[in-house]
Amino acid sequence: MSAMYDRLVDLLVDRFEVDRAEIGPGTTFEDLDMDSLFLVELLLVIQSDFGVQVSDDAASPGDTITQVADLIGRLASAEASA
């Protein structure tokens, strides 16, 4: 997996106390019992920790961990090249 995926998994485990064994590339936030309110909080933490600007509706509970990691990677690349 990508370095961004690994960072996102570490964030979920360390900051949100998600069991690492429950997380896989195809795991959705719904699978982890995380709703849209949780995602707003997660995206705020991502903005702070990863240094990217993410809108509050950039992810949904049905998105996978991989999809959100890819989104963060694209945003980080765009901001780095700007």
PDB file of N, CA and C in Angstrom:
ATOM      1  N   MET A   1       0.840  -1.183   0.000  1.00  0.00           N
ATOM      2  CA  MET A   1       0.000   0.000   0.000  1.00  0.00           C
ATOM      3  C   MET A   1       0.883   1.244   0.000  1.00  0.00           C
ATOM      4  N   SER A   2       0.247   2.389  -0.185  1.00  0.00           N
ATOM      5  CA  SER A   2       0.984   3.642  -0.268  1.00  0.00           C
ATOM      6  C   SER A   2       1.367   4.159   1.110  1.00  0.00           C
ATOM      7  N   ALA A   3       2.322   5.061   1.120  1.00  0.00           N
ATOM      8  CA  ALA A   3       2.731   5.689   2.381  1.00  0.00           C
ATOM      9  C   ALA A   3       1.572   6.475   2.980  1.00  0.00           C
ATOM     10  N   MET A   4       0.743   7.087   2.141  1.00  0.00           N
ATOM     11  CA  MET A   4      -0.407   7.851   2.631  1.00  0.00           C
ATOM     12  C   MET A   4      -1.429   6.918   3.277  1.00  0.00           C
ATOM     13  N   TYR A   5      -1.619   5.757   2.696  1.00  0.00           N
ATOM     14  CA  TYR A   5      -2.511   4.751   3.287  1.00  0.00           C
ATOM     15  C   TYR A   5      -2.003   4.373   4.680  1.00  0.00           C
ATOM     16  N   ASP A   6      -0.704   4.107   4.777  1.00  0.00           N
ATOM     17  CA  ASP A   6      -0.113   3.728   6.063  1.00  0.00           C
ATOM     18  C   ASP A   6      -0.269   4.845   7.092  1.00  0.00           C
ATOM     19  N   ARG A   7      -0.085   6.081   6.659  1.00  0.00           N
ATOM     20  CA  ARG A   7      -0.253   7.219   7.581  1.00  0.00           C
ATOM     21  C   ARG A   7      -1.699   7.339   8.053  1.00  0.00           C
ATOM     22  N   LEU A   8      -2.646   7.122   7.138  1.00  0.00           N
ATOM     23  CA  LEU A   8      -4.056   7.202   7.502  1.00  0.00           C
ATOM     24  C   LEU A   8      -4.424   6.084   8.482  1.00  0.00           C
ATOM     25  N   VAL A   9      -3.946   4.886   8.242  1.00  0.00           N
ATOM     26  CA  VAL A   9      -4.203   3.773   9.161  1.00  0.00           C
ATOM     27  C   VAL A   9      -3.613   4.094  10.534  1.00  0.00           C
ATOM     28  N   ASP A  10      -2.376   4.596  10.564  1.00  0.00           N
ATOM     29  CA  ASP A  10      -1.751   4.963  11.837  1.00  0.00           C
ATOM     30  C   ASP A  10      -2.579   6.019  12.562  1.00  0.00           C
ATOM     31  N   LEU A  11      -3.100   6.985  11.823  1.00  0.00           N
ATOM     32  CA  LEU A  11      -3.934   8.027  12.414  1.00  0.00           C
ATOM     33  C   LEU A  11      -5.203   7.429  13.023  1.00  0.00           C
ATOM     34  N   LEU A  12      -5.851   6.546  12.303  1.00  0.00           N
ATOM     35  CA  LEU A  12      -7.075   5.909  12.804  1.00  0.00           C
ATOM     36  C   LEU A  12      -6.787   5.103  14.070  1.00  0.00           C
ATOM     37  N   VAL A  13      -5.666   4.411  14.087  1.00  0.00           N
ATOM     38  CA  VAL A  13      -5.306   3.576  15.246  1.00  0.00           C
ATOM     39  C   VAL A  13      -4.894   4.441  16.429  1.00  0.00           C
ATOM     40  N   ASP A  14      -4.004   5.396  16.185  1.00  0.00           N
ATOM     41  CA  ASP A  14      -3.431   6.188  17.279  1.00  0.00           C
ATOM     42  C   ASP A  14      -4.376   7.246  17.832  1.00  0.00           C
ATOM     43  N   ARG A  15      -5.069   7.945  16.964  1.00  0.00           N
ATOM     44  CA  ARG A  15      -5.904   9.068  17.411  1.00  0.00           C
ATOM     45  C   ARG A  15      -7.362   8.698  17.656  1.00  0.00           C
ATOM     46  N   PHE A  16      -7.847   7.681  16.941  1.00  0.00           N
ATOM     47  CA  PHE A  16      -9.262   7.335  17.039  1.00  0.00           C
ATOM     48  C   PHE A  16      -9.489   5.937  17.624  1.00  0.00           C
ATOM     49  N   GLU A  17      -8.409   5.293  18.051  1.00  0.00           N
ATOM     50  CA  GLU A  17      -8.459   4.012  18.751  1.00  0.00           C
ATOM     51  C   GLU A  17      -9.198   2.919  17.983  1.00  0.00           C
ATOM     52  N   VAL A  18      -8.994   2.894  16.672  1.00  0.00           N
ATOM     53  CA  VAL A  18      -9.549   1.832  15.841  1.00  0.00           C
ATOM     54  C   VAL A  18      -8.577   0.648  15.911  1.00  0.00           C
ATOM     55  N   ASP A  19      -9.116  -0.547  16.012  1.00  0.00           N
ATOM     56  CA  ASP A  19      -8.296  -1.752  16.047  1.00  0.00           C
ATOM     57  C   ASP A  19      -7.662  -1.965  14.671  1.00  0.00           C
ATOM     58  N   ARG A  20      -6.340  -2.009  14.628  1.00  0.00           N
ATOM     59  CA  ARG A  20      -5.616  -2.166  13.356  1.00  0.00           C
ATOM     60  C   ARG A  20      -6.087  -3.416  12.600  1.00  0.00           C
ATOM     61  N   ALA A  21      -6.463  -4.460  13.311  1.00  0.00           N
ATOM     62  CA  ALA A  21      -6.894  -5.709  12.678  1.00  0.00           C
ATOM     63  C   ALA A  21      -8.201  -5.542  11.899  1.00  0.00           C
ATOM     64  N   GLU A  22      -8.976  -4.508  12.211  1.00  0.00           N
ATOM     65  CA  GLU A  22     -10.246  -4.268  11.518  1.00  0.00           C
ATOM     66  C   GLU A  22     -10.069  -3.470  10.231  1.00  0.00           C
ATOM     67  N   ILE A  23      -8.870  -2.949   9.993  1.00  0.00           N
ATOM     68  CA  ILE A  23      -8.646  -2.062   8.854  1.00  0.00           C
ATOM     69  C   ILE A  23      -7.942  -2.811   7.727  1.00  0.00           C
ATOM     70  N   GLY A  24      -8.506  -2.685   6.540  1.00  0.00           N
ATOM     71  CA  GLY A  24      -7.906  -3.235   5.331  1.00  0.00           C
ATOM     72  C   GLY A  24      -8.157  -2.271   4.186  1.00  0.00           C
ATOM     73  N   PRO A  25      -7.521  -2.485   3.055  1.00  0.00           N
ATOM     74  CA  PRO A  25      -7.677  -1.567   1.917  1.00  0.00           C
ATOM     75  C   PRO A  25      -9.125  -1.355   1.486  1.00  0.00           C
ATOM     76  N   GLY A  26      -9.948  -2.405   1.579  1.00  0.00           N
ATOM     77  CA  GLY A  26     -11.340  -2.300   1.152  1.00  0.00           C
ATOM     78  C   GLY A  26     -12.307  -1.979   2.279  1.00  0.00           C
ATOM     79  N   THR A  27     -11.789  -1.738   3.465  1.00  0.00           N
ATOM     80  CA  THR A  27     -12.632  -1.423   4.614  1.00  0.00           C
ATOM     81  C   THR A  27     -13.238  -0.038   4.431  1.00  0.00           C
ATOM     82  N   THR A  28     -14.550   0.062   4.629  1.00  0.00           N
ATOM     83  CA  THR A  28     -15.206   1.369   4.575  1.00  0.00           C
ATOM     84  C   THR A  28     -15.326   1.926   5.988  1.00  0.00           C
ATOM     85  N   PHE A  29     -15.617   3.209   6.053  1.00  0.00           N
ATOM     86  CA  PHE A  29     -15.833   3.817   7.362  1.00  0.00           C
ATOM     87  C   PHE A  29     -17.106   3.269   8.001  1.00  0.00           C
ATOM     88  N   GLU A  30     -18.084   2.886   7.175  1.00  0.00           N
ATOM     89  CA  GLU A  30     -19.286   2.224   7.697  1.00  0.00           C
ATOM     90  C   GLU A  30     -18.926   0.910   8.368  1.00  0.00           C
ATOM     91  N   ASP A  31     -17.988   0.168   7.753  1.00  0.00           N
ATOM     92  CA  ASP A  31     -17.543  -1.103   8.338  1.00  0.00           C
ATOM     93  C   ASP A  31     -16.979  -0.886   9.741  1.00  0.00           C
ATOM     94  N   LEU A  32     -16.398   0.287   9.961  1.00  0.00           N
ATOM     95  CA  LEU A  32     -15.796   0.620  11.256  1.00  0.00           C
ATOM     96  C   LEU A  32     -16.800   1.321  12.174  1.00  0.00           C
ATOM     97  N   ASP A  33     -18.079   1.343  11.767  1.00  0.00           N
ATOM     98  CA  ASP A  33     -19.152   2.005  12.525  1.00  0.00           C
ATOM     99  C   ASP A  33     -18.902   3.494  12.704  1.00  0.00           C
ATOM    100  N   MET A  34     -18.375   4.134  11.654  1.00  0.00           N
ATOM    101  CA  MET A  34     -18.081   5.563  11.694  1.00  0.00           C
ATOM    102  C   MET A  34     -19.044   6.292  10.766  1.00  0.00           C
ATOM    103  N   ASP A  35     -19.719   7.281  11.309  1.00  0.00           N
ATOM    104  CA  ASP A  35     -20.721   8.012  10.550  1.00  0.00           C
ATOM    105  C   ASP A  35     -20.138   9.292   9.959  1.00  0.00           C
ATOM    106  N   SER A  36     -20.999  10.085   9.343  1.00  0.00           N
ATOM    107  CA  SER A  36     -20.552  11.312   8.676  1.00  0.00           C
ATOM    108  C   SER A  36     -19.999  12.330   9.670  1.00  0.00           C
ATOM    109  N   LEU A  37     -20.506  12.366  10.884  1.00  0.00           N
ATOM    110  CA  LEU A  37     -19.960  13.274  11.897  1.00  0.00           C
ATOM    111  C   LEU A  37     -18.523  12.892  12.228  1.00  0.00           C
ATOM    112  N   PHE A  38     -18.254  11.600  12.353  1.00  0.00           N
ATOM    113  CA  PHE A  38     -16.889  11.140  12.578  1.00  0.00           C
ATOM    114  C   PHE A  38     -15.994  11.580  11.430  1.00  0.00           C
ATOM    115  N   LEU A  39     -16.488  11.448  10.201  1.00  0.00           N
ATOM    116  CA  LEU A  39     -15.673  11.809   9.039  1.00  0.00           C
ATOM    117  C   LEU A  39     -15.306  13.287   9.040  1.00  0.00           C
ATOM    118  N   VAL A  40     -16.218  14.138   9.475  1.00  0.00           N
ATOM    119  CA  VAL A  40     -15.902  15.568   9.560  1.00  0.00           C
ATOM    120  C   VAL A  40     -14.743  15.766  10.529  1.00  0.00           C
ATOM    121  N   GLU A  41     -14.812  15.112  11.684  1.00  0.00           N
ATOM    122  CA  GLU A  41     -13.729  15.212  12.659  1.00  0.00           C
ATOM    123  C   GLU A  41     -12.427  14.648  12.080  1.00  0.00           C
ATOM    124  N   LEU A  42     -12.506  13.508  11.409  1.00  0.00           N
ATOM    125  CA  LEU A  42     -11.326  12.906  10.799  1.00  0.00           C
ATOM    126  C   LEU A  42     -10.703  13.843   9.773  1.00  0.00           C
ATOM    127  N   LEU A  43     -11.533  14.435   8.924  1.00  0.00           N
ATOM    128  CA  LEU A  43     -11.016  15.333   7.887  1.00  0.00           C
ATOM    129  C   LEU A  43     -10.350  16.569   8.495  1.00  0.00           C
ATOM    130  N   LEU A  44     -10.867  17.051   9.613  1.00  0.00           N
ATOM    131  CA  LEU A  44     -10.219  18.178  10.304  1.00  0.00           C
ATOM    132  C   LEU A  44      -8.852  17.773  10.837  1.00  0.00           C
ATOM    133  N   VAL A  45      -8.755  16.579  11.380  1.00  0.00           N
ATOM    134  CA  VAL A  45      -7.471  16.082  11.874  1.00  0.00           C
ATOM    135  C   VAL A  45      -6.505  15.877  10.705  1.00  0.00           C
ATOM    136  N   ILE A  46      -7.001  15.359   9.597  1.00  0.00           N
ATOM    137  CA  ILE A  46      -6.170  15.170   8.407  1.00  0.00           C
ATOM    138  C   ILE A  46      -5.620  16.507   7.931  1.00  0.00           C
ATOM    139  N   GLN A  47      -6.475  17.530   7.898  1.00  0.00           N
ATOM    140  CA  GLN A  47      -6.007  18.857   7.492  1.00  0.00           C
ATOM    141  C   GLN A  47      -4.855  19.321   8.371  1.00  0.00           C
ATOM    142  N   SER A  48      -5.007  19.133   9.663  1.00  0.00           N
ATOM    143  CA  SER A  48      -3.994  19.564  10.617  1.00  0.00           C
ATOM    144  C   SER A  48      -2.719  18.725  10.521  1.00  0.00           C
ATOM    145  N   ASP A  49      -2.869  17.412  10.538  1.00  0.00           N
ATOM    146  CA  ASP A  49      -1.708  16.522  10.586  1.00  0.00           C
ATOM    147  C   ASP A  49      -1.004  16.348   9.243  1.00  0.00           C
ATOM    148  N   PHE A  50      -1.762  16.383   8.150  1.00  0.00           N
ATOM    149  CA  PHE A  50      -1.185  16.127   6.841  1.00  0.00           C
ATOM    150  C   PHE A  50      -0.903  17.420   6.071  1.00  0.00           C
ATOM    151  N   GLY A  51      -1.425  18.537   6.575  1.00  0.00           N
ATOM    152  CA  GLY A  51      -1.172  19.821   5.942  1.00  0.00           C
ATOM    153  C   GLY A  51      -1.848  19.997   4.598  1.00  0.00           C
ATOM    154  N   VAL A  52      -3.035  19.403   4.429  1.00  0.00           N
ATOM    155  CA  VAL A  52      -3.787  19.562   3.186  1.00  0.00           C
ATOM    156  C   VAL A  52      -5.150  20.169   3.505  1.00  0.00           C
ATOM    157  N   GLN A  53      -5.713  20.846   2.537  1.00  0.00           N
ATOM    158  CA  GLN A  53      -7.055  21.409   2.672  1.00  0.00           C
ATOM    159  C   GLN A  53      -8.060  20.401   2.124  1.00  0.00           C
ATOM    160  N   VAL A  54      -8.968  19.963   2.991  1.00  0.00           N
ATOM    161  CA  VAL A  54      -9.969  18.970   2.621  1.00  0.00           C
ATOM    162  C   VAL A  54     -11.338  19.531   2.983  1.00  0.00           C
ATOM    163  N   SER A  55     -12.269  19.489   2.046  1.00  0.00           N
ATOM    164  CA  SER A  55     -13.612  19.975   2.353  1.00  0.00           C
ATOM    165  C   SER A  55     -14.328  18.980   3.261  1.00  0.00           C
ATOM    166  N   ASP A  56     -15.303  19.479   4.006  1.00  0.00           N
ATOM    167  CA  ASP A  56     -16.033  18.647   4.965  1.00  0.00           C
ATOM    168  C   ASP A  56     -16.789  17.496   4.310  1.00  0.00           C
ATOM    169  N   ASP A  57     -17.100  17.631   3.020  1.00  0.00           N
ATOM    170  CA  ASP A  57     -17.860  16.586   2.343  1.00  0.00           C
ATOM    171  C   ASP A  57     -17.005  15.791   1.350  1.00  0.00           C
ATOM    172  N   ALA A  58     -15.695  15.797   1.562  1.00  0.00           N
ATOM    173  CA  ALA A  58     -14.777  15.121   0.646  1.00  0.00           C
ATOM    174  C   ALA A  58     -14.848  13.604   0.749  1.00  0.00           C
ATOM    175  N   ALA A  59     -15.394  13.100   1.846  1.00  0.00           N
ATOM    176  CA  ALA A  59     -15.488  11.651   2.037  1.00  0.00           C
ATOM    177  C   ALA A  59     -16.853  11.311   2.612  1.00  0.00           C
ATOM    178  N   SER A  60     -17.275  10.088   2.350  1.00  0.00           N
ATOM    179  CA  SER A  60     -18.554   9.619   2.892  1.00  0.00           C
ATOM    180  C   SER A  60     -18.319   8.314   3.647  1.00  0.00           C
ATOM    181  N   PRO A  61     -19.269   7.932   4.503  1.00  0.00           N
ATOM    182  CA  PRO A  61     -19.096   6.685   5.262  1.00  0.00           C
ATOM    183  C   PRO A  61     -18.903   5.452   4.379  1.00  0.00           C
ATOM    184  N   GLY A  62     -19.387   5.486   3.145  1.00  0.00           N
ATOM    185  CA  GLY A  62     -19.228   4.354   2.238  1.00  0.00           C
ATOM    186  C   GLY A  62     -17.880   4.285   1.549  1.00  0.00           C
ATOM    187  N   ASP A  63     -17.056   5.313   1.711  1.00  0.00           N
ATOM    188  CA  ASP A  63     -15.725   5.315   1.097  1.00  0.00           C
ATOM    189  C   ASP A  63     -14.794   4.351   1.827  1.00  0.00           C
ATOM    190  N   THR A  64     -13.851   3.792   1.067  1.00  0.00           N
ATOM    191  CA  THR A  64     -12.874   2.902   1.680  1.00  0.00           C
ATOM    192  C   THR A  64     -11.688   3.708   2.211  1.00  0.00           C
ATOM    193  N   ILE A  65     -10.927   3.061   3.066  1.00  0.00           N
ATOM    194  CA  ILE A  65      -9.707   3.672   3.590  1.00  0.00           C
ATOM    195  C   ILE A  65      -8.781   4.025   2.421  1.00  0.00           C
ATOM    196  N   THR A  66      -8.695   3.134   1.444  1.00  0.00           N
ATOM    197  CA  THR A  66      -7.841   3.379   0.274  1.00  0.00           C
ATOM    198  C   THR A  66      -8.296   4.596  -0.511  1.00  0.00           C
ATOM    199  N   GLN A  67      -9.609   4.753  -0.698  1.00  0.00           N
ATOM    200  CA  GLN A  67     -10.116   5.914  -1.440  1.00  0.00           C
ATOM    201  C   GLN A  67      -9.744   7.217  -0.746  1.00  0.00           C
ATOM    202  N   VAL A  68      -9.880   7.258   0.559  1.00  0.00           N
ATOM    203  CA  VAL A  68      -9.553   8.488   1.293  1.00  0.00           C
ATOM    204  C   VAL A  68      -8.045   8.723   1.283  1.00  0.00           C
ATOM    205  N   ALA A  69      -7.251   7.675   1.406  1.00  0.00           N
ATOM    206  CA  ALA A  69      -5.794   7.825   1.333  1.00  0.00           C
ATOM    207  C   ALA A  69      -5.386   8.367  -0.040  1.00  0.00           C
ATOM    208  N   ASP A  70      -6.014   7.857  -1.097  1.00  0.00           N
ATOM    209  CA  ASP A  70      -5.729   8.354  -2.448  1.00  0.00           C
ATOM    210  C   ASP A  70      -6.114   9.826  -2.586  1.00  0.00           C
ATOM    211  N   LEU A  71      -7.252  10.202  -2.023  1.00  0.00           N
ATOM    212  CA  LEU A  71      -7.693  11.596  -2.043  1.00  0.00           C
ATOM    213  C   LEU A  71      -6.668  12.491  -1.351  1.00  0.00           C
ATOM    214  N   ILE A  72      -6.223  12.082  -0.181  1.00  0.00           N
ATOM    215  CA  ILE A  72      -5.232  12.877   0.571  1.00  0.00           C
ATOM    216  C   ILE A  72      -3.941  12.985  -0.245  1.00  0.00           C
ATOM    217  N   GLY A  73      -3.533  11.896  -0.843  1.00  0.00           N
ATOM    218  CA  GLY A  73      -2.318  11.907  -1.676  1.00  0.00           C
ATOM    219  C   GLY A  73      -2.437  12.872  -2.846  1.00  0.00           C
ATOM    220  N   ARG A  74      -3.598  12.860  -3.514  1.00  0.00           N
ATOM    221  CA  ARG A  74      -3.802  13.793  -4.640  1.00  0.00           C
ATOM    222  C   ARG A  74      -3.787  15.244  -4.169  1.00  0.00           C
ATOM    223  N   LEU A  75      -4.440  15.505  -3.050  1.00  0.00           N
ATOM    224  CA  LEU A  75      -4.475  16.867  -2.521  1.00  0.00           C
ATOM    225  C   LEU A  75      -3.081  17.328  -2.096  1.00  0.00           C
ATOM    226  N   ALA A  76      -2.325  16.442  -1.465  1.00  0.00           N
ATOM    227  CA  ALA A  76      -0.965  16.791  -1.040  1.00  0.00           C
ATOM    228  C   ALA A  76      -0.081  17.071  -2.250  1.00  0.00           C
ATOM    229  N   SER A  77      -0.229  16.270  -3.300  1.00  0.00           N
ATOM    230  CA  SER A  77       0.560  16.482  -4.524  1.00  0.00           C
ATOM    231  C   SER A  77       0.206  17.799  -5.191  1.00  0.00           C
ATOM    232  N   ALA A  78      -1.099  18.098  -5.235  1.00  0.00           N
ATOM    233  CA  ALA A  78      -1.561  19.346  -5.856  1.00  0.00           C
ATOM    234  C   ALA A  78      -1.043  20.544  -5.099  1.00  0.00           C
ATOM    235  N   GLU A  79      -1.076  20.479  -3.769  1.00  0.00           N
ATOM    236  CA  GLU A  79      -0.606  21.610  -2.968  1.00  0.00           C
ATOM    237  C   GLU A  79       0.910  21.750  -3.049  1.00  0.00           C
ATOM    238  N   ALA A  80       1.618  20.630  -3.171  1.00  0.00           N
ATOM    239  CA  ALA A  80       3.079  20.681  -3.264  1.00  0.00           C
ATOM    240  C   ALA A  80       3.525  21.295  -4.588  1.00  0.00           C
ATOM    241  N   SER A  81       2.738  21.068  -5.653  1.00  0.00           N
ATOM    242  CA  SER A  81       3.117  21.598  -6.961  1.00  0.00           C
ATOM    243  C   SER A  81       2.575  23.014  -7.197  1.00  0.00           C
ATOM    244  N   ALA A  82       1.745  23.497  -6.306  1.00  0.00           N
ATOM    245  CA  ALA A  82       1.160  24.837  -6.476  1.00  0.00           C
ATOM    246  C   ALA A  82       2.100  25.931  -6.016  1.00  0.00           C
TER     247      ALA A  82
END
